[in-house]
C-alpha atoms as a PDB file:
ATOM      1  CA  UNK A   1      -1.378   1.580 -44.321  1.00  0.00           C
ATOM      2  CA  UNK A   2      -2.153  -1.753 -42.652  1.00  0.00           C
ATOM      3  CA  UNK A   3       1.557  -2.437 -42.172  1.00  0.00           C
ATOM      4  CA  UNK A   4       2.030   1.039 -40.679  1.00  0.00           C
ATOM      5  CA  UNK A   5      -0.743   0.313 -38.196  1.00  0.00           C
ATOM      6  CA  UNK A   6       0.659  -3.124 -37.345  1.00  0.00           C
ATOM      7  CA  UNK A   7       4.113  -1.624 -36.931  1.00  0.00           C
ATOM      8  CA  UNK A   8       2.767   1.075 -34.657  1.00  0.00           C
ATOM      9  CA  UNK A   9       1.010  -1.490 -32.476  1.00  0.00           C
ATOM     10  CA  UNK A  10       4.182  -3.573 -32.226  1.00  0.00           C
ATOM     11  CA  UNK A  11       6.193  -0.517 -31.166  1.00  0.00           C
ATOM     12  CA  UNK A  12       3.629   0.374 -28.484  1.00  0.00           C
ATOM     13  CA  UNK A  13       3.616  -3.191 -27.149  1.00  0.00           C
ATOM     14  CA  UNK A  14       7.424  -3.231 -27.025  1.00  0.00           C
ATOM     15  CA  UNK A  15       7.516   0.097 -25.196  1.00  0.00           C
ATOM     16  CA  UNK A  16       4.965  -1.106 -22.663  1.00  0.00           C
ATOM     17  CA  UNK A  17       6.926  -4.305 -22.193  1.00  0.00           C
ATOM     18  CA  UNK A  18      10.174  -2.416 -21.661  1.00  0.00           C
ATOM     19  CA  UNK A  19       8.498  -0.089 -19.177  1.00  0.00           C
ATOM     20  CA  UNK A  20       7.085  -3.041 -17.259  1.00  0.00           C
ATOM     21  CA  UNK A  21      10.530  -4.666 -17.261  1.00  0.00           C
ATOM     22  CA  UNK A  22      12.047  -1.419 -15.966  1.00  0.00           C
ATOM     23  CA  UNK A  23       9.650  -1.487 -13.016  1.00  0.00           C
ATOM     24  CA  UNK A  24      10.273  -5.183 -12.427  1.00  0.00           C
ATOM     25  CA  UNK A  25      14.025  -4.643 -12.028  1.00  0.00           C
ATOM     26  CA  UNK A  26      13.515  -1.575  -9.832  1.00  0.00           C
ATOM     27  CA  UNK A  27      14.633   1.280 -12.083  1.00  0.00           C
ATOM     28  CA  UNK A  28      12.900   4.621 -11.444  1.00  0.00           C
ATOM     29  CA  UNK A  29      12.918   7.622 -13.774  1.00  0.00           C
ATOM     30  CA  UNK A  30      13.211  10.204 -10.954  1.00  0.00           C
ATOM     31  CA  UNK A  31      15.334   9.958  -7.800  1.00  0.00           C
ATOM     32  CA  UNK A  32      14.308  11.972  -4.742  1.00  0.00           C
ATOM     33  CA  UNK A  33      16.236  12.643  -1.608  1.00  0.00           C
ATOM     34  CA  UNK A  34      14.140  11.714   1.452  1.00  0.00           C
ATOM     35  CA  UNK A  35      13.729  15.429   2.208  1.00  0.00           C
ATOM     36  CA  UNK A  36      12.521  16.172  -1.316  1.00  0.00           C
ATOM     37  CA  UNK A  37      10.074  13.249  -1.184  1.00  0.00           C
ATOM     38  CA  UNK A  38       8.699  14.499   2.147  1.00  0.00           C
ATOM     39  CA  UNK A  39       8.258  17.997   0.696  1.00  0.00           C
ATOM     40  CA  UNK A  40       6.384  16.600  -2.313  1.00  0.00           C
ATOM     41  CA  UNK A  41       4.064  14.452  -0.226  1.00  0.00           C
ATOM     42  CA  UNK A  42       3.402  16.425   2.936  1.00  0.00           C
ATOM     43  CA  UNK A  43       1.312  19.171   1.342  1.00  0.00           C
ATOM     44  CA  UNK A  44      -1.115  16.549   0.051  1.00  0.00           C
ATOM     45  CA  UNK A  45      -1.430  14.039   2.849  1.00  0.00           C
ATOM     46  CA  UNK A  46      -4.058  14.259   5.594  1.00  0.00           C
ATOM     47  CA  UNK A  47      -3.490  13.796   9.309  1.00  0.00           C
ATOM     48  CA  UNK A  48      -6.435  13.034  11.591  1.00  0.00           C
ATOM     49  CA  UNK A  49      -5.878  13.188  15.345  1.00  0.00           C
ATOM     50  CA  UNK A  50      -7.914  11.819  18.229  1.00  0.00           C
ATOM     51  CA  UNK A  51      -9.100  14.166  20.944  1.00  0.00           C
ATOM     52  CA  UNK A  52      -6.596  14.972  23.657  1.00  0.00           C
ATOM     53  CA  UNK A  53      -2.922  15.854  23.767  1.00  0.00           C
ATOM     54  CA  UNK A  54      -1.398  12.409  23.231  1.00  0.00           C
ATOM     55  CA  UNK A  55       1.043  10.916  22.687  1.00  0.00           C
ATOM     56  CA  UNK A  56      -0.901   8.660  20.340  1.00  0.00           C
ATOM     57  CA  UNK A  57      -0.206   5.418  18.529  1.00  0.00           C
ATOM     58  CA  UNK A  58      -0.488   6.007  14.808  1.00  0.00           C
ATOM     59  CA  UNK A  59      -1.617   4.508  11.523  1.00  0.00           C
ATOM     60  CA  UNK A  60      -0.590   5.084   7.914  1.00  0.00           C
ATOM     61  CA  UNK A  61      -3.137   4.501   5.171  1.00  0.00           C
ATOM     62  CA  UNK A  62      -2.187   3.741   1.565  1.00  0.00           C
ATOM     63  CA  UNK A  63      -4.831   3.895  -1.155  1.00  0.00           C
ATOM     64  CA  UNK A  64      -5.405   1.749  -4.207  1.00  0.00           C
ATOM     65  CA  UNK A  65      -4.089   2.528  -7.687  1.00  0.00           C
ATOM     66  CA  UNK A  66      -6.930   4.984  -8.383  1.00  0.00           C
ATOM     67  CA  UNK A  67      -5.787   7.342  -5.641  1.00  0.00           C
ATOM     68  CA  UNK A  68      -7.256   8.412  -2.320  1.00  0.00           C
ATOM     69  CA  UNK A  69     -10.975   7.651  -2.172  1.00  0.00           C
ATOM     70  CA  UNK A  70     -13.659   7.527   0.511  1.00  0.00           C
ATOM     71  CA  UNK A  71     -12.501   4.184   1.912  1.00  0.00           C
ATOM     72  CA  UNK A  72      -9.292   5.795   3.163  1.00  0.00           C
ATOM     73  CA  UNK A  73     -11.310   8.320   5.161  1.00  0.00           C
ATOM     74  CA  UNK A  74     -13.544   5.535   6.477  1.00  0.00           C
ATOM     75  CA  UNK A  75     -10.655   3.474   7.819  1.00  0.00           C
ATOM     76  CA  UNK A  76      -8.816   6.544   9.104  1.00  0.00           C
ATOM     77  CA  UNK A  77     -11.851   7.597  11.119  1.00  0.00           C
ATOM     78  CA  UNK A  78     -12.113   4.102  12.601  1.00  0.00           C
ATOM     79  CA  UNK A  79      -8.502   4.313  13.734  1.00  0.00           C
ATOM     80  CA  UNK A  80      -9.019   7.790  15.183  1.00  0.00           C
ATOM     81  CA  UNK A  81     -12.127   6.674  17.063  1.00  0.00           C
ATOM     82  CA  UNK A  82     -10.007   4.029  18.786  1.00  0.00           C
ATOM     83  CA  UNK A  83      -7.422   6.612  19.823  1.00  0.00           C
ATOM     84  CA  UNK A  84      -4.937   6.126  16.997  1.00  0.00           C
ATOM     85  CA  UNK A  85      -3.690   9.009  14.849  1.00  0.00           C
ATOM     86  CA  UNK A  86      -4.167   8.471  11.104  1.00  0.00           C
ATOM     87  CA  UNK A  87      -1.990   9.696   8.246  1.00  0.00           C
ATOM     88  CA  UNK A  88      -3.507   9.253   4.773  1.00  0.00           C
ATOM     89  CA  UNK A  89      -0.741   9.266   2.165  1.00  0.00           C
ATOM     90  CA  UNK A  90      -1.654  10.673  -1.255  1.00  0.00           C
ATOM     91  CA  UNK A  91       0.960   9.284  -3.643  1.00  0.00           C
ATOM     92  CA  UNK A  92      -0.925  10.365  -6.759  1.00  0.00           C
ATOM     93  CA  UNK A  93      -1.537  14.126  -6.609  1.00  0.00           C
ATOM     94  CA  UNK A  94       2.129  15.136  -6.090  1.00  0.00           C
ATOM     95  CA  UNK A  95       3.020  13.131  -9.205  1.00  0.00           C
ATOM     96  CA  UNK A  96       0.148  14.437 -11.353  1.00  0.00           C
ATOM     97  CA  UNK A  97      -1.454  10.991 -11.388  1.00  0.00           C
ATOM     98  CA  UNK A  98      -4.791  12.500 -10.376  1.00  0.00           C
ATOM     99  CA  UNK A  99      -5.079  14.342 -13.699  1.00  0.00           C
ATOM    100  CA  UNK A 100      -6.621  13.166 -16.973  1.00  0.00           C
ATOM    101  CA  UNK A 101      -7.216   9.648 -15.653  1.00  0.00           C
ATOM    102  CA  UNK A 102      -3.438   9.208 -15.336  1.00  0.00           C
ATOM    103  CA  UNK A 103      -3.982   6.896 -12.358  1.00  0.00           C
ATOM    104  CA  UNK A 104      -4.959   4.229 -14.883  1.00  0.00           C
ATOM    105  CA  UNK A 105      -1.255   3.921 -15.720  1.00  0.00           C
ATOM    106  CA  UNK A 106      -0.668   2.923 -12.094  1.00  0.00           C
ATOM    107  CA  UNK A 107      -3.408   0.308 -12.277  1.00  0.00           C
ATOM    108  CA  UNK A 108      -1.925  -1.033 -15.516  1.00  0.00           C
ATOM    109  CA  UNK A 109       1.526  -1.412 -13.941  1.00  0.00           C
ATOM    110  CA  UNK A 110       3.045   1.301 -16.146  1.00  0.00           C
ATOM    111  CA  UNK A 111       3.638   3.933 -13.449  1.00  0.00           C
ATOM    112  CA  UNK A 112       4.516   3.988  -9.745  1.00  0.00           C
ATOM    113  CA  UNK A 113       4.934   0.278  -8.916  1.00  0.00           C
ATOM    114  CA  UNK A 114       4.687  -0.826  -5.316  1.00  0.00           C
ATOM    115  CA  UNK A 115       8.464  -0.990  -4.817  1.00  0.00           C
ATOM    116  CA  UNK A 116       8.858   2.641  -5.892  1.00  0.00           C
ATOM    117  CA  UNK A 117       5.914   3.786  -3.802  1.00  0.00           C
ATOM    118  CA  UNK A 118       7.451   2.034  -0.777  1.00  0.00           C
ATOM    119  CA  UNK A 119       9.664   5.116  -0.483  1.00  0.00           C
ATOM    120  CA  UNK A 120       6.538   7.143   0.305  1.00  0.00           C
ATOM    121  CA  UNK A 121       5.810   4.881   3.256  1.00  0.00           C
ATOM    122  CA  UNK A 122       9.406   5.118   4.473  1.00  0.00           C
ATOM    123  CA  UNK A 123       9.214   8.916   4.453  1.00  0.00           C
ATOM    124  CA  UNK A 124       5.799   8.902   6.165  1.00  0.00           C
ATOM    125  CA  UNK A 125       7.099   6.660   8.948  1.00  0.00           C
ATOM    126  CA  UNK A 126      10.067   8.948   9.544  1.00  0.00           C
ATOM    127  CA  UNK A 127       7.779  11.993   9.612  1.00  0.00           C
ATOM    128  CA  UNK A 128       5.665  10.329  12.303  1.00  0.00           C
ATOM    129  CA  UNK A 129       8.821   9.457  14.245  1.00  0.00           C
ATOM    130  CA  UNK A 130       9.695  13.141  14.375  1.00  0.00           C
ATOM    131  CA  UNK A 131       6.324  14.135  15.859  1.00  0.00           C
ATOM    132  CA  UNK A 132       6.336  14.588  19.624  1.00  0.00           C
ATOM    133  CA  UNK A 133       2.761  13.378  20.054  1.00  0.00           C
ATOM    134  CA  UNK A 134       3.263  10.027  18.252  1.00  0.00           C
ATOM    135  CA  UNK A 135       4.498   6.794  19.824  1.00  0.00           C
ATOM    136  CA  UNK A 136       6.491   4.025  18.135  1.00  0.00           C
ATOM    137  CA  UNK A 137       3.313   1.955  17.656  1.00  0.00           C
ATOM    138  CA  UNK A 138       2.355   2.339  13.966  1.00  0.00           C
ATOM    139  CA  UNK A 139      -0.150   0.196  12.074  1.00  0.00           C
ATOM    140  CA  UNK A 140      -0.124   0.346   8.266  1.00  0.00           C
ATOM    141  CA  UNK A 141      -3.292  -0.305   6.277  1.00  0.00           C
ATOM    142  CA  UNK A 142      -2.916  -0.643   2.522  1.00  0.00           C
ATOM    143  CA  UNK A 143      -5.696  -1.324   0.026  1.00  0.00           C
ATOM    144  CA  UNK A 144      -4.913  -3.023  -3.299  1.00  0.00           C
ATOM    145  CA  UNK A 145      -1.880  -1.142  -4.679  1.00  0.00           C
ATOM    146  CA  UNK A 146      -1.374   0.254  -1.182  1.00  0.00           C
ATOM    147  CA  UNK A 147      -1.171  -3.278   0.198  1.00  0.00           C
ATOM    148  CA  UNK A 148       1.422  -4.141  -2.434  1.00  0.00           C
ATOM    149  CA  UNK A 149       3.341  -1.016  -1.410  1.00  0.00           C
ATOM    150  CA  UNK A 150       3.319  -1.958   2.277  1.00  0.00           C
ATOM    151  CA  UNK A 151       4.587  -5.447   1.464  1.00  0.00           C
ATOM    152  CA  UNK A 152       7.392  -4.079  -0.709  1.00  0.00           C
ATOM    153  CA  UNK A 153       8.400  -1.693   2.060  1.00  0.00           C
ATOM    154  CA  UNK A 154       8.798  -4.549   4.539  1.00  0.00           C
ATOM    155  CA  UNK A 155      10.857  -6.525   2.027  1.00  0.00           C
ATOM    156  CA  UNK A 156      13.134  -3.597   1.166  1.00  0.00           C
ATOM    157  CA  UNK A 157      13.573  -2.571   4.795  1.00  0.00           C
ATOM    158  CA  UNK A 158      14.338  -6.163   5.794  1.00  0.00           C
ATOM    159  CA  UNK A 159      17.070  -6.450   3.166  1.00  0.00           C
ATOM    160  CA  UNK A 160      18.246  -2.840   3.471  1.00  0.00           C
ATOM    161  CA  UNK A 161      17.721  -2.256  -0.249  1.00  0.00           C
ATOM    162  CA  UNK A 162      16.731   1.365  -0.915  1.00  0.00           C
ATOM    163  CA  UNK A 163      13.319   1.601  -2.664  1.00  0.00           C
ATOM    164  CA  UNK A 164      13.608   2.683  -6.320  1.00  0.00           C
ATOM    165  CA  UNK A 165      13.242   6.436  -6.673  1.00  0.00           C
ATOM    166  CA  UNK A 166      14.895   7.315  -3.341  1.00  0.00           C
ATOM    167  CA  UNK A 167      18.552   8.265  -3.096  1.00  0.00           C
ATOM    168  CA  UNK A 168      18.754   7.050   0.511  1.00  0.00           C
ATOM    169  CA  UNK A 169      16.655   5.816   3.404  1.00  0.00           C
ATOM    170  CA  UNK A 170      15.206   8.651   5.515  1.00  0.00           C
ATOM    171  CA  UNK A 171      16.441   6.713   8.571  1.00  0.00           C
ATOM    172  CA  UNK A 172      18.103   3.331   9.063  1.00  0.00           C
ATOM    173  CA  UNK A 173      15.635   0.801   7.621  1.00  0.00           C
ATOM    174  CA  UNK A 174      15.761  -1.402  10.704  1.00  0.00           C
ATOM    175  CA  UNK A 175      14.656   1.578  12.813  1.00  0.00           C
ATOM    176  CA  UNK A 176      11.764   2.336  10.463  1.00  0.00           C
ATOM    177  CA  UNK A 177      10.760  -1.316  10.501  1.00  0.00           C
ATOM    178  CA  UNK A 178      10.761  -1.424  14.291  1.00  0.00           C
ATOM    179  CA  UNK A 179       8.046   1.224  14.373  1.00  0.00           C
ATOM    180  CA  UNK A 180       5.635  -1.055  12.501  1.00  0.00           C
ATOM    181  CA  UNK A 181       3.523  -3.103  14.868  1.00  0.00           C
ATOM    182  CA  UNK A 182       1.008  -4.594  12.386  1.00  0.00           C
ATOM    183  CA  UNK A 183       0.074  -4.660   8.696  1.00  0.00           C
ATOM    184  CA  UNK A 184      -3.465  -4.764   7.323  1.00  0.00           C
ATOM    185  CA  UNK A 185      -3.518  -5.676   3.625  1.00  0.00           C
ATOM    186  CA  UNK A 186      -6.878  -5.336   1.897  1.00  0.00           C
ATOM    187  CA  UNK A 187      -7.104  -7.265  -1.409  1.00  0.00           C
ATOM    188  CA  UNK A 188      -3.429  -6.513  -2.256  1.00  0.00           C
ATOM    189  CA  UNK A 189      -1.799  -7.118  -5.623  1.00  0.00           C
ATOM    190  CA  UNK A 190       0.433 -10.205  -5.281  1.00  0.00           C
ATOM    191  CA  UNK A 191       1.339 -10.898  -8.917  1.00  0.00           C
ATOM    192  CA  UNK A 192       4.653 -11.131 -10.756  1.00  0.00           C
ATOM    193  CA  UNK A 193       5.673  -7.515 -10.128  1.00  0.00           C
ATOM    194  CA  UNK A 194       5.290  -7.932  -6.370  1.00  0.00           C
ATOM    195  CA  UNK A 195       8.721  -8.786  -5.001  1.00  0.00           C
ATOM    196  CA  UNK A 196       7.750  -8.803  -1.340  1.00  0.00           C
ATOM    197  CA  UNK A 197       8.986 -12.357  -0.790  1.00  0.00           C
ATOM    198  CA  UNK A 198      12.528 -11.631  -1.994  1.00  0.00           C
ATOM    199  CA  UNK A 199      13.594 -11.017   1.605  1.00  0.00           C
ATOM    200  CA  UNK A 200      12.632 -12.674   4.876  1.00  0.00           C
ATOM    201  CA  UNK A 201      10.204 -10.616   6.918  1.00  0.00           C
ATOM    202  CA  UNK A 202      10.730 -10.060  10.654  1.00  0.00           C
ATOM    203  CA  UNK A 203       8.833 -12.730  12.564  1.00  0.00           C
ATOM    204  CA  UNK A 204       7.592 -10.188  15.088  1.00  0.00           C
ATOM    205  CA  UNK A 205       5.554  -8.184  12.560  1.00  0.00           C
ATOM    206  CA  UNK A 206       2.000  -9.587  12.365  1.00  0.00           C
ATOM    207  CA  UNK A 207       0.150  -9.113   9.087  1.00  0.00           C
ATOM    208  CA  UNK A 208      -3.404  -9.756   7.940  1.00  0.00           C
ATOM    209  CA  UNK A 209      -4.527 -10.196   4.325  1.00  0.00           C
ATOM    210  CA  UNK A 210      -8.243  -9.665   3.749  1.00  0.00           C
ATOM    211  CA  UNK A 211      -8.966 -11.121   0.315  1.00  0.00           C
ATOM    212  CA  UNK A 212     -12.097 -10.925  -1.821  1.00  0.00           C
ATOM    213  CA  UNK A 213     -13.412 -14.265  -3.119  1.00  0.00           C
ATOM    214  CA  UNK A 214     -14.856 -12.756  -6.318  1.00  0.00           C
ATOM    215  CA  UNK A 215     -11.925 -10.428  -7.009  1.00  0.00           C
ATOM    216  CA  UNK A 216     -11.637  -9.854 -10.758  1.00  0.00           C
ATOM    217  CA  UNK A 217      -8.660  -7.483 -10.536  1.00  0.00           C
ATOM    218  CA  UNK A 218      -6.102  -9.276  -8.379  1.00  0.00           C
ATOM    219  CA  UNK A 219      -5.662 -13.032  -8.135  1.00  0.00           C
ATOM    220  CA  UNK A 220      -6.591 -14.450  -4.725  1.00  0.00           C
ATOM    221  CA  UNK A 221      -4.508 -17.572  -5.394  1.00  0.00           C
ATOM    222  CA  UNK A 222      -1.445 -15.383  -5.988  1.00  0.00           C
ATOM    223  CA  UNK A 223      -1.916 -13.820  -2.558  1.00  0.00           C
ATOM    224  CA  UNK A 224      -2.396 -17.171  -0.853  1.00  0.00           C
ATOM    225  CA  UNK A 225       0.803 -18.403  -2.522  1.00  0.00           C
ATOM    226  CA  UNK A 226       2.617 -15.212  -1.510  1.00  0.00           C
ATOM    227  CA  UNK A 227       1.461 -15.642   2.087  1.00  0.00           C
ATOM    228  CA  UNK A 228       2.745 -19.232   2.101  1.00  0.00           C
ATOM    229  CA  UNK A 229       6.083 -18.101   0.708  1.00  0.00           C
ATOM    230  CA  UNK A 230       6.407 -15.375   3.341  1.00  0.00           C
ATOM    231  CA  UNK A 231       5.524 -17.809   6.131  1.00  0.00           C
ATOM    232  CA  UNK A 232       8.295 -20.133   4.979  1.00  0.00           C
ATOM    233  CA  UNK A 233      10.633 -17.187   5.478  1.00  0.00           C
ATOM    234  CA  UNK A 234       9.414 -16.723   9.031  1.00  0.00           C
ATOM    235  CA  UNK A 235       6.668 -14.130   8.532  1.00  0.00           C
ATOM    236  CA  UNK A 236       3.605 -14.077  10.753  1.00  0.00           C
ATOM    237  CA  UNK A 237       0.793 -13.550   8.265  1.00  0.00           C
ATOM    238  CA  UNK A 238      -2.892 -14.467   8.389  1.00  0.00           C
ATOM    239  CA  UNK A 239      -5.278 -14.689   5.441  1.00  0.00           C
ATOM    240  CA  UNK A 240      -9.038 -14.247   5.439  1.00  0.00           C
ATOM    241  CA  UNK A 241     -11.278 -14.556   2.379  1.00  0.00           C
ATOM    242  CA  UNK A 242     -14.536 -12.620   2.266  1.00  0.00           C
ATOM    243  CA  UNK A 243     -17.075 -14.885   0.573  1.00  0.00           C
ATOM    244  CA  UNK A 244     -18.860 -13.182  -2.312  1.00  0.00           C
ATOM    245  CA  UNK A 245     -16.812  -9.991  -2.065  1.00  0.00           C
ATOM    246  CA  UNK A 246     -15.249  -8.271  -5.039  1.00  0.00           C
ATOM    247  CA  UNK A 247     -12.249  -5.992  -5.364  1.00  0.00           C
ATOM    248  CA  UNK A 248     -12.734  -2.659  -3.585  1.00  0.00           C
ATOM    249  CA  UNK A 249     -15.771  -3.825  -1.586  1.00  0.00           C
ATOM    250  CA  UNK A 250     -15.107  -1.017   0.933  1.00  0.00           C
ATOM    251  CA  UNK A 251     -14.903   1.788  -1.654  1.00  0.00           C
ATOM    252  CA  UNK A 252     -18.097   3.667  -2.490  1.00  0.00           C
ATOM    253  CA  UNK A 253     -16.474   6.394  -4.600  1.00  0.00           C
ATOM    254  CA  UNK A 254     -15.371   5.069  -7.985  1.00  0.00           C
ATOM    255  CA  UNK A 255     -14.691   6.207 -11.519  1.00  0.00           C
ATOM    256  CA  UNK A 256     -17.054   5.744 -14.491  1.00  0.00           C
ATOM    257  CA  UNK A 257     -16.969   2.234 -15.981  1.00  0.00           C
ATOM    258  CA  UNK A 258     -15.327   0.907 -12.822  1.00  0.00           C
ATOM    259  CA  UNK A 259     -15.965  -2.733 -11.973  1.00  0.00           C
ATOM    260  CA  UNK A 260     -15.708  -2.080  -8.212  1.00  0.00           C
ATOM    261  CA  UNK A 261     -18.817  -3.008  -6.261  1.00  0.00           C
ATOM    262  CA  UNK A 262     -19.249  -1.408  -2.842  1.00  0.00           C
ATOM    263  CA  UNK A 263     -20.892  -3.594  -0.219  1.00  0.00           C
ATOM    264  CA  UNK A 264     -21.444  -2.160   3.255  1.00  0.00           C
ATOM    265  CA  UNK A 265     -22.031  -5.593   4.811  1.00  0.00           C
ATOM    266  CA  UNK A 266     -18.718  -6.893   3.466  1.00  0.00           C
ATOM    267  CA  UNK A 267     -16.982  -3.734   4.633  1.00  0.00           C
ATOM    268  CA  UNK A 268     -18.460  -4.289   8.106  1.00  0.00           C
ATOM    269  CA  UNK A 269     -17.262  -7.884   8.056  1.00  0.00           C
ATOM    270  CA  UNK A 270     -13.756  -6.807   7.070  1.00  0.00           C
ATOM    271  CA  UNK A 271     -13.760  -4.235   9.856  1.00  0.00           C
ATOM    272  CA  UNK A 272     -14.611  -6.957  12.353  1.00  0.00           C
ATOM    273  CA  UNK A 273     -11.754  -9.100  11.000  1.00  0.00           C
ATOM    274  CA  UNK A 274      -9.334  -6.190  11.328  1.00  0.00           C
ATOM    275  CA  UNK A 275     -10.507  -5.382  14.855  1.00  0.00           C
ATOM    276  CA  UNK A 276     -10.105  -9.011  15.927  1.00  0.00           C
ATOM    277  CA  UNK A 277      -6.650  -9.221  14.353  1.00  0.00           C
ATOM    278  CA  UNK A 278      -5.441  -6.034  16.062  1.00  0.00           C
ATOM    279  CA  UNK A 279      -6.965  -7.116  19.366  1.00  0.00           C
ATOM    280  CA  UNK A 280      -4.992 -10.374  19.179  1.00  0.00           C
ATOM    281  CA  UNK A 281      -1.812  -8.384  18.604  1.00  0.00           C
ATOM    282  CA  UNK A 282      -2.668  -6.015  21.475  1.00  0.00           C
ATOM    283  CA  UNK A 283      -3.157  -3.076  19.111  1.00  0.00           C
ATOM    284  CA  UNK A 284      -5.965  -0.549  18.833  1.00  0.00           C
ATOM    285  CA  UNK A 285      -8.176  -0.602  15.755  1.00  0.00           C
END
């Protein structure tokens, strides 16, 4: 019986390792056309508009690995208050990752890696491009897994490599990339599975990483090293470390047993950093 148990554990570990390797080399289990991906996502995403008839600059918000939570609404409302439309992308519900705690597979790196989810951002950007009341000024804010996703999108679009899980780009990648005017990356995952530095980023795309000093989920040093690597490739990327902050400091809504620790003061500080960054790049918060 003991050997059966040991054997079972070994098999599980091997399967997990193979699945992680599959994600690392960019192999997806399902391929969507851009149209099919848009159909899957659009019934679940939220669009918040400022008052008036526009046209408006826009923002795309990408949640962490546990799905869309209250922090996405918070940041979206800040963008809207400044006159910027906000599109909150829900990558989890269309894939059933909101059921039975399935999102934990995303957090464990066993489902929906950032490179695959980058296709969601590509489709969202093309959807905005087709709206008459949206300009070509789009800011992307990604938290944790969403930050990883945004970084992977820039890398794939820069190299022209189609994100895993898409059969084609919804538009020429250089056109999609031109619509991005700034990236805001809140405590993003920058570990081994993040391949964002495999391609040189466009030097004209400013990015800000807001890192949490006491982060016990992602490694701050990994992100600092990633930022250095991207800068060597010509990227314009700033890093700020919130002293005393932990992962998900801006997220009040959390699951049972979660280690996230919401802190309104740290969220306010991060908002000020984001506002200053966007002001320097001549963009609205």
